[in-house]
């Protein structure tokens, strides 16, 4: 290839672009795989929101099991 550097650059750009596009198409996961990945990852790694919800529910259960009476500060003991 004794041609112009622009022709060489265009050739290499087209060649590597085609290879990249081919790899993109060949490695694209199917819809089933995407759904399986989404469902497994959501259970494995809880989000911050889910952690906060779980913490709130744990505290709510803990406070519901408390049998001590809460003293009313407005009432004075004689």
PDB file of N, CA and C in Angstrom:
ATOM      1  N   UNK A   1       0.849  -1.186   0.000  1.00  0.00           N
ATOM      2  CA  UNK A   1       0.000   0.000   0.000  1.00  0.00           C
ATOM      3  C   UNK A   1       0.885   1.235   0.000  1.00  0.00           C
ATOM      4  N   UNK A   2       1.134   1.709  -1.150  1.00  0.00           N
ATOM      5  CA  UNK A   2       1.971   2.886  -1.280  1.00  0.00           C
ATOM      6  C   UNK A   2       1.122   4.137  -1.444  1.00  0.00           C
ATOM      7  N   UNK A   3      -0.148   4.030  -1.086  1.00  0.00           N
ATOM      8  CA  UNK A   3      -1.062   5.152  -1.293  1.00  0.00           C
ATOM      9  C   UNK A   3      -0.903   6.238  -0.255  1.00  0.00           C
ATOM     10  N   UNK A   4      -1.814   7.115  -0.300  1.00  0.00           N
ATOM     11  CA  UNK A   4      -1.833   8.261   0.591  1.00  0.00           C
ATOM     12  C   UNK A   4      -2.067   7.809   2.042  1.00  0.00           C
ATOM     13  N   UNK A   5      -1.513   8.544   3.004  1.00  0.00           N
ATOM     14  CA  UNK A   5      -1.756   8.184   4.407  1.00  0.00           C
ATOM     15  C   UNK A   5      -3.243   8.288   4.775  1.00  0.00           C
ATOM     16  N   UNK A   6      -3.977   9.114   4.077  1.00  0.00           N
ATOM     17  CA  UNK A   6      -5.409   9.245   4.335  1.00  0.00           C
ATOM     18  C   UNK A   6      -6.143   7.975   3.930  1.00  0.00           C
ATOM     19  N   UNK A   7      -5.734   7.370   2.841  1.00  0.00           N
ATOM     20  CA  UNK A   7      -6.359   6.128   2.381  1.00  0.00           C
ATOM     21  C   UNK A   7      -6.025   5.007   3.364  1.00  0.00           C
ATOM     22  N   UNK A   8      -4.782   4.955   3.825  1.00  0.00           N
ATOM     23  CA  UNK A   8      -4.392   3.941   4.801  1.00  0.00           C
ATOM     24  C   UNK A   8      -5.189   4.115   6.092  1.00  0.00           C
ATOM     25  N   UNK A   9      -5.308   5.343   6.540  1.00  0.00           N
ATOM     26  CA  UNK A   9      -6.055   5.612   7.767  1.00  0.00           C
ATOM     27  C   UNK A   9      -7.517   5.214   7.609  1.00  0.00           C
ATOM     28  N   UNK A  10      -8.092   5.527   6.466  1.00  0.00           N
ATOM     29  CA  UNK A  10      -9.482   5.168   6.201  1.00  0.00           C
ATOM     30  C   UNK A  10      -9.650   3.652   6.172  1.00  0.00           C
ATOM     31  N   UNK A  11      -8.681   2.970   5.566  1.00  0.00           N
ATOM     32  CA  UNK A  11      -8.727   1.507   5.521  1.00  0.00           C
ATOM     33  C   UNK A  11      -8.688   0.921   6.930  1.00  0.00           C
ATOM     34  N   UNK A  12      -7.742   1.378   7.771  1.00  0.00           N
ATOM     35  CA  UNK A  12      -7.617   0.850   9.127  1.00  0.00           C
ATOM     36  C   UNK A  12      -8.844   1.201   9.978  1.00  0.00           C
ATOM     37  N   UNK A  13      -9.356   2.385   9.773  1.00  0.00           N
ATOM     38  CA  UNK A  13     -10.561   2.790  10.512  1.00  0.00           C
ATOM     39  C   UNK A  13     -11.730   1.880  10.165  1.00  0.00           C
ATOM     40  N   UNK A  14     -11.919   1.606   8.886  1.00  0.00           N
ATOM     41  CA  UNK A  14     -13.011   0.730   8.459  1.00  0.00           C
ATOM     42  C   UNK A  14     -12.786  -0.702   8.954  1.00  0.00           C
ATOM     43  N   UNK A  15     -11.547  -1.171   8.890  1.00  0.00           N
ATOM     44  CA  UNK A  15     -11.255  -2.542   9.306  1.00  0.00           C
ATOM     45  C   UNK A  15     -11.509  -2.728  10.796  1.00  0.00           C
ATOM     46  N   UNK A  16     -10.964  -1.857  11.624  1.00  0.00           N
ATOM     47  CA  UNK A  16     -11.152  -2.005  13.066  1.00  0.00           C
ATOM     48  C   UNK A  16     -12.569  -1.664  13.502  1.00  0.00           C
ATOM     49  N   UNK A  17     -13.208  -0.755  12.786  1.00  0.00           N
ATOM     50  CA  UNK A  17     -14.613  -0.477  13.080  1.00  0.00           C
ATOM     51  C   UNK A  17     -15.477  -1.696  12.809  1.00  0.00           C
ATOM     52  N   UNK A  18     -15.195  -2.390  11.698  1.00  0.00           N
ATOM     53  CA  UNK A  18     -15.935  -3.604  11.373  1.00  0.00           C
ATOM     54  C   UNK A  18     -15.694  -4.703  12.389  1.00  0.00           C
ATOM     55  N   UNK A  19     -14.455  -4.843  12.833  1.00  0.00           N
ATOM     56  CA  UNK A  19     -14.142  -5.848  13.851  1.00  0.00           C
ATOM     57  C   UNK A  19     -14.860  -5.510  15.160  1.00  0.00           C
ATOM     58  N   UNK A  20     -14.828  -4.244  15.527  1.00  0.00           N
ATOM     59  CA  UNK A  20     -15.506  -3.819  16.758  1.00  0.00           C
ATOM     60  C   UNK A  20     -17.003  -4.047  16.692  1.00  0.00           C
ATOM     61  N   UNK A  21     -17.605  -3.747  15.547  1.00  0.00           N
ATOM     62  CA  UNK A  21     -19.041  -3.956  15.385  1.00  0.00           C
ATOM     63  C   UNK A  21     -19.358  -5.450  15.436  1.00  0.00           C
ATOM     64  N   UNK A  22     -18.517  -6.261  14.804  1.00  0.00           N
ATOM     65  CA  UNK A  22     -18.723  -7.706  14.835  1.00  0.00           C
ATOM     66  C   UNK A  22     -18.667  -8.258  16.254  1.00  0.00           C
ATOM     67  N   UNK A  23     -17.706  -7.783  17.036  1.00  0.00           N
ATOM     68  CA  UNK A  23     -17.614  -8.215  18.430  1.00  0.00           C
ATOM     69  C   UNK A  23     -18.806  -7.741  19.245  1.00  0.00           C
ATOM     70  N   UNK A  24     -19.282  -6.545  18.951  1.00  0.00           N
ATOM     71  CA  UNK A  24     -20.453  -6.018  19.650  1.00  0.00           C
ATOM     72  C   UNK A  24     -21.667  -6.901  19.406  1.00  0.00           C
ATOM     73  N   UNK A  25     -21.884  -7.276  18.169  1.00  0.00           N
ATOM     74  CA  UNK A  25     -23.024  -8.127  17.827  1.00  0.00           C
ATOM     75  C   UNK A  25     -22.839  -9.525  18.406  1.00  0.00           C
ATOM     76  N   UNK A  26     -21.629 -10.047  18.348  1.00  0.00           N
ATOM     77  CA  UNK A  26     -21.381 -11.410  18.823  1.00  0.00           C
ATOM     78  C   UNK A  26     -21.506 -11.540  20.333  1.00  0.00           C
ATOM     79  N   UNK A  27     -21.211 -10.489  21.083  1.00  0.00           N
ATOM     80  CA  UNK A  27     -21.221 -10.583  22.544  1.00  0.00           C
ATOM     81  C   UNK A  27     -22.453  -9.965  23.192  1.00  0.00           C
ATOM     82  N   UNK A  28     -23.424  -9.528  22.430  1.00  0.00           N
ATOM     83  CA  UNK A  28     -24.633  -8.953  23.001  1.00  0.00           C
ATOM     84  C   UNK A  28     -25.450 -10.058  23.662  1.00  0.00           C
ATOM     85  N   UNK A  29     -25.771  -9.912  24.968  1.00  0.00           N
ATOM     86  CA  UNK A  29     -26.531 -10.962  25.646  1.00  0.00           C
ATOM     87  C   UNK A  29     -27.996 -10.944  25.223  1.00  0.00           C
ATOM     88  N   UNK A  30     -28.636 -12.088  25.319  1.00  0.00           N
ATOM     89  CA  UNK A  30     -30.045 -12.185  24.965  1.00  0.00           C
ATOM     90  C   UNK A  30     -30.900 -11.603  26.087  1.00  0.00           C
ATOM     91  N   UNK A  31     -32.173 -11.432  25.804  1.00  0.00           N
ATOM     92  CA  UNK A  31     -33.089 -10.898  26.803  1.00  0.00           C
ATOM     93  C   UNK A  31     -33.219 -11.798  28.011  1.00  0.00           C
ATOM     94  N   UNK A  32     -33.180 -13.114  27.789  1.00  0.00           N
ATOM     95  CA  UNK A  32     -33.277 -14.057  28.902  1.00  0.00           C
ATOM     96  C   UNK A  32     -32.087 -13.907  29.849  1.00  0.00           C
ATOM     97  N   UNK A  33     -30.903 -13.780  29.268  1.00  0.00           N
ATOM     98  CA  UNK A  33     -29.707 -13.637  30.102  1.00  0.00           C
ATOM     99  C   UNK A  33     -29.755 -12.338  30.897  1.00  0.00           C
ATOM    100  N   UNK A  34     -30.224 -11.265  30.267  1.00  0.00           N
ATOM    101  CA  UNK A  34     -30.311  -9.985  30.975  1.00  0.00           C
ATOM    102  C   UNK A  34     -31.275 -10.081  32.153  1.00  0.00           C
ATOM    103  N   UNK A  35     -32.424 -10.715  31.944  1.00  0.00           N
ATOM    104  CA  UNK A  35     -33.389 -10.855  33.030  1.00  0.00           C
ATOM    105  C   UNK A  35     -32.825 -11.721  34.157  1.00  0.00           C
ATOM    106  N   UNK A  36     -32.113 -12.784  33.802  1.00  0.00           N
ATOM    107  CA  UNK A  36     -31.527 -13.656  34.817  1.00  0.00           C
ATOM    108  C   UNK A  36     -30.464 -12.903  35.621  1.00  0.00           C
ATOM    109  N   UNK A  37     -29.675 -12.081  34.945  1.00  0.00           N
ATOM    110  CA  UNK A  37     -28.645 -11.296  35.629  1.00  0.00           C
ATOM    111  C   UNK A  37     -29.289 -10.271  36.560  1.00  0.00           C
ATOM    112  N   UNK A  38     -30.335  -9.605  36.075  1.00  0.00           N
ATOM    113  CA  UNK A  38     -31.007  -8.603  36.898  1.00  0.00           C
ATOM    114  C   UNK A  38     -31.636  -9.225  38.136  1.00  0.00           C
ATOM    115  N   UNK A  39     -32.280 -10.368  37.971  1.00  0.00           N
ATOM    116  CA  UNK A  39     -32.954 -10.986  39.118  1.00  0.00           C
ATOM    117  C   UNK A  39     -31.953 -11.527  40.129  1.00  0.00           C
ATOM    118  N   UNK A  40     -30.843 -12.063  39.667  1.00  0.00           N
ATOM    119  CA  UNK A  40     -29.865 -12.604  40.609  1.00  0.00           C
ATOM    120  C   UNK A  40     -29.083 -11.496  41.306  1.00  0.00           C
ATOM    121  N   UNK A  41     -28.795 -10.420  40.611  1.00  0.00           N
ATOM    122  CA  UNK A  41     -28.011  -9.349  41.233  1.00  0.00           C
ATOM    123  C   UNK A  41     -28.841  -8.551  42.225  1.00  0.00           C
ATOM    124  N   UNK A  42     -30.141  -8.427  42.010  1.00  0.00           N
ATOM    125  CA  UNK A  42     -30.959  -7.658  42.950  1.00  0.00           C
ATOM    126  C   UNK A  42     -31.086  -8.381  44.280  1.00  0.00           C
ATOM    127  N   UNK A  43     -30.999  -9.713  44.268  1.00  0.00           N
ATOM    128  CA  UNK A  43     -31.094 -10.451  45.511  1.00  0.00           C
ATOM    129  C   UNK A  43     -29.748 -10.523  46.217  1.00  0.00           C
ATOM    130  N   UNK A  44     -28.673 -10.535  45.470  1.00  0.00           N
ATOM    131  CA  UNK A  44     -27.348 -10.695  46.059  1.00  0.00           C
ATOM    132  C   UNK A  44     -26.860  -9.416  46.733  1.00  0.00           C
ATOM    133  N   UNK A  45     -27.107  -8.294  46.121  1.00  0.00           N
ATOM    134  CA  UNK A  45     -26.593  -7.035  46.622  1.00  0.00           C
ATOM    135  C   UNK A  45     -27.755  -6.078  46.895  1.00  0.00           C
ATOM    136  N   UNK A  46     -28.192  -5.984  48.153  1.00  0.00           N
ATOM    137  CA  UNK A  46     -29.301  -5.070  48.446  1.00  0.00           C
ATOM    138  C   UNK A  46     -28.869  -3.615  48.275  1.00  0.00           C
ATOM    139  N   UNK A  47     -29.770  -2.830  47.786  1.00  0.00           N
ATOM    140  CA  UNK A  47     -29.479  -1.424  47.585  1.00  0.00           C
ATOM    141  C   UNK A  47     -29.545  -0.686  48.924  1.00  0.00           C
ATOM    142  N   UNK A  48     -29.103   0.539  48.915  1.00  0.00           N
ATOM    143  CA  UNK A  48     -29.128   1.357  50.132  1.00  0.00           C
ATOM    144  C   UNK A  48     -30.569   1.555  50.582  1.00  0.00           C
ATOM    145  N   UNK A  49     -31.467   1.734  49.633  1.00  0.00           N
ATOM    146  CA  UNK A  49     -32.876   1.927  49.972  1.00  0.00           C
ATOM    147  C   UNK A  49     -33.450   0.675  50.647  1.00  0.00           C
ATOM    148  N   UNK A  50     -33.119  -0.491  50.111  1.00  0.00           N
ATOM    149  CA  UNK A  50     -33.607  -1.729  50.719  1.00  0.00           C
ATOM    150  C   UNK A  50     -32.993  -1.955  52.096  1.00  0.00           C
ATOM    151  N   UNK A  51     -31.733  -1.587  52.272  1.00  0.00           N
ATOM    152  CA  UNK A  51     -31.103  -1.706  53.585  1.00  0.00           C
ATOM    153  C   UNK A  51     -31.797  -0.807  54.594  1.00  0.00           C
ATOM    154  N   UNK A  52     -32.113   0.422  54.170  1.00  0.00           N
ATOM    155  CA  UNK A  52     -32.789   1.356  55.071  1.00  0.00           C
ATOM    156  C   UNK A  52     -34.188   0.853  55.431  1.00  0.00           C
ATOM    157  N   UNK A  53     -34.893   0.285  54.459  1.00  0.00           N
ATOM    158  CA  UNK A  53     -36.219  -0.259  54.733  1.00  0.00           C
ATOM    159  C   UNK A  53     -36.131  -1.413  55.722  1.00  0.00           C
ATOM    160  N   UNK A  54     -35.145  -2.284  55.521  1.00  0.00           N
ATOM    161  CA  UNK A  54     -34.983  -3.417  56.425  1.00  0.00           C
ATOM    162  C   UNK A  54     -34.616  -2.961  57.832  1.00  0.00           C
ATOM    163  N   UNK A  55     -33.749  -1.971  57.935  1.00  0.00           N
ATOM    164  CA  UNK A  55     -33.375  -1.429  59.238  1.00  0.00           C
ATOM    165  C   UNK A  55     -34.582  -0.824  59.940  1.00  0.00           C
ATOM    166  N   UNK A  56     -35.404  -0.085  59.200  1.00  0.00           N
ATOM    167  CA  UNK A  56     -36.615   0.503  59.755  1.00  0.00           C
ATOM    168  C   UNK A  56     -37.568  -0.575  60.250  1.00  0.00           C
ATOM    169  N   UNK A  57     -37.738  -1.631  59.453  1.00  0.00           N
ATOM    170  CA  UNK A  57     -38.639  -2.713  59.861  1.00  0.00           C
ATOM    171  C   UNK A  57     -38.109  -3.428  61.105  1.00  0.00           C
ATOM    172  N   UNK A  58     -36.793  -3.611  61.183  1.00  0.00           N
ATOM    173  CA  UNK A  58     -36.206  -4.240  62.367  1.00  0.00           C
ATOM    174  C   UNK A  58     -36.435  -3.381  63.609  1.00  0.00           C
ATOM    175  N   UNK A  59     -36.255  -2.085  63.480  1.00  0.00           N
ATOM    176  CA  UNK A  59     -36.469  -1.186  64.620  1.00  0.00           C
ATOM    177  C   UNK A  59     -37.946  -1.146  65.009  1.00  0.00           C
ATOM    178  N   UNK A  60     -38.813  -1.204  64.020  1.00  0.00           N
ATOM    179  CA  UNK A  60     -40.244  -1.197  64.288  1.00  0.00           C
ATOM    180  C   UNK A  60     -40.656  -2.466  65.033  1.00  0.00           C
ATOM    181  N   UNK A  61     -40.134  -3.614  64.609  1.00  0.00           N
ATOM    182  CA  UNK A  61     -40.428  -4.868  65.303  1.00  0.00           C
ATOM    183  C   UNK A  61     -39.880  -4.848  66.725  1.00  0.00           C
ATOM    184  N   UNK A  62     -38.687  -4.305  66.860  1.00  0.00           N
ATOM    185  CA  UNK A  62     -38.059  -4.233  68.172  1.00  0.00           C
ATOM    186  C   UNK A  62     -38.878  -3.350  69.114  1.00  0.00           C
ATOM    187  N   UNK A  63     -39.348  -2.223  68.620  1.00  0.00           N
ATOM    188  CA  UNK A  63     -40.119  -1.314  69.468  1.00  0.00           C
ATOM    189  C   UNK A  63     -41.512  -1.864  69.749  1.00  0.00           C
ATOM    190  N   UNK A  64     -42.039  -2.678  68.872  1.00  0.00           N
ATOM    191  CA  UNK A  64     -43.359  -3.269  69.119  1.00  0.00           C
ATOM    192  C   UNK A  64     -43.287  -4.331  70.208  1.00  0.00           C
ATOM    193  N   UNK A  65     -42.128  -4.927  70.395  1.00  0.00           N
ATOM    194  CA  UNK A  65     -41.972  -5.970  71.409  1.00  0.00           C
ATOM    195  C   UNK A  65     -41.626  -5.409  72.785  1.00  0.00           C
ATOM    196  N   UNK A  66     -41.395  -4.130  72.893  1.00  0.00           N
ATOM    197  CA  UNK A  66     -41.052  -3.526  74.175  1.00  0.00           C
ATOM    198  C   UNK A  66     -42.313  -3.452  75.025  1.00  0.00           C
ATOM    199  N   UNK A  67     -42.241  -3.976  76.244  1.00  0.00           N
ATOM    200  CA  UNK A  67     -43.422  -3.992  77.119  1.00  0.00           C
ATOM    201  C   UNK A  67     -43.361  -2.920  78.194  1.00  0.00           C
ATOM    202  N   UNK A  68     -42.256  -2.198  78.279  1.00  0.00           N
ATOM    203  CA  UNK A  68     -42.150  -1.148  79.287  1.00  0.00           C
ATOM    204  C   UNK A  68     -43.103  -0.015  78.947  1.00  0.00           C
ATOM    205  N   UNK A  69     -43.723   0.513  80.003  1.00  0.00           N
ATOM    206  CA  UNK A  69     -44.611   1.645  79.785  1.00  0.00           C
ATOM    207  C   UNK A  69     -43.791   2.920  79.680  1.00  0.00           C
ATOM    208  N   UNK A  70     -44.235   3.774  78.810  1.00  0.00           N
ATOM    209  CA  UNK A  70     -43.551   5.052  78.629  1.00  0.00           C
ATOM    210  C   UNK A  70     -44.165   6.037  79.613  1.00  0.00           C
ATOM    211  N   UNK A  71     -43.302   6.693  80.357  1.00  0.00           N
ATOM    212  CA  UNK A  71     -43.789   7.660  81.342  1.00  0.00           C
ATOM    213  C   UNK A  71     -44.209   8.940  80.652  1.00  0.00           C
ATOM    214  N   UNK A  72     -45.302   9.474  81.118  1.00  0.00           N
ATOM    215  CA  UNK A  72     -45.804  10.732  80.581  1.00  0.00           C
ATOM    216  C   UNK A  72     -45.165  11.872  81.359  1.00  0.00           C
ATOM    217  N   UNK A  73     -44.340  12.704  80.718  1.00  0.00           N
ATOM    218  CA  UNK A  73     -43.633  13.762  81.449  1.00  0.00           C
ATOM    219  C   UNK A  73     -44.577  14.867  81.951  1.00  0.00           C
ATOM    220  N   UNK A  74     -45.787  14.947  81.406  1.00  0.00           N
ATOM    221  CA  UNK A  74     -46.703  16.009  81.845  1.00  0.00           C
ATOM    222  C   UNK A  74     -47.380  15.664  83.160  1.00  0.00           C
ATOM    223  N   UNK A  75     -47.448  14.380  83.475  1.00  0.00           N
ATOM    224  CA  UNK A  75     -48.051  13.965  84.728  1.00  0.00           C
ATOM    225  C   UNK A  75     -47.010  13.993  85.822  1.00  0.00           C
ATOM    226  N   UNK A  76     -47.356  14.633  86.923  1.00  0.00           N
ATOM    227  CA  UNK A  76     -46.430  14.705  88.043  1.00  0.00           C
ATOM    228  C   UNK A  76     -46.825  13.664  89.070  1.00  0.00           C
ATOM    229  N   UNK A  77     -45.826  13.000  89.587  1.00  0.00           N
ATOM    230  CA  UNK A  77     -46.095  12.017  90.613  1.00  0.00           C
ATOM    231  C   UNK A  77     -46.147  12.715  91.968  1.00  0.00           C
ATOM    232  N   UNK A  78     -47.104  12.391  92.774  1.00  0.00           N
ATOM    233  CA  UNK A  78     -47.257  13.010  94.091  1.00  0.00           C
ATOM    234  C   UNK A  78     -46.662  12.165  95.157  1.00  0.00           C
TER     235      UNK A  78
END
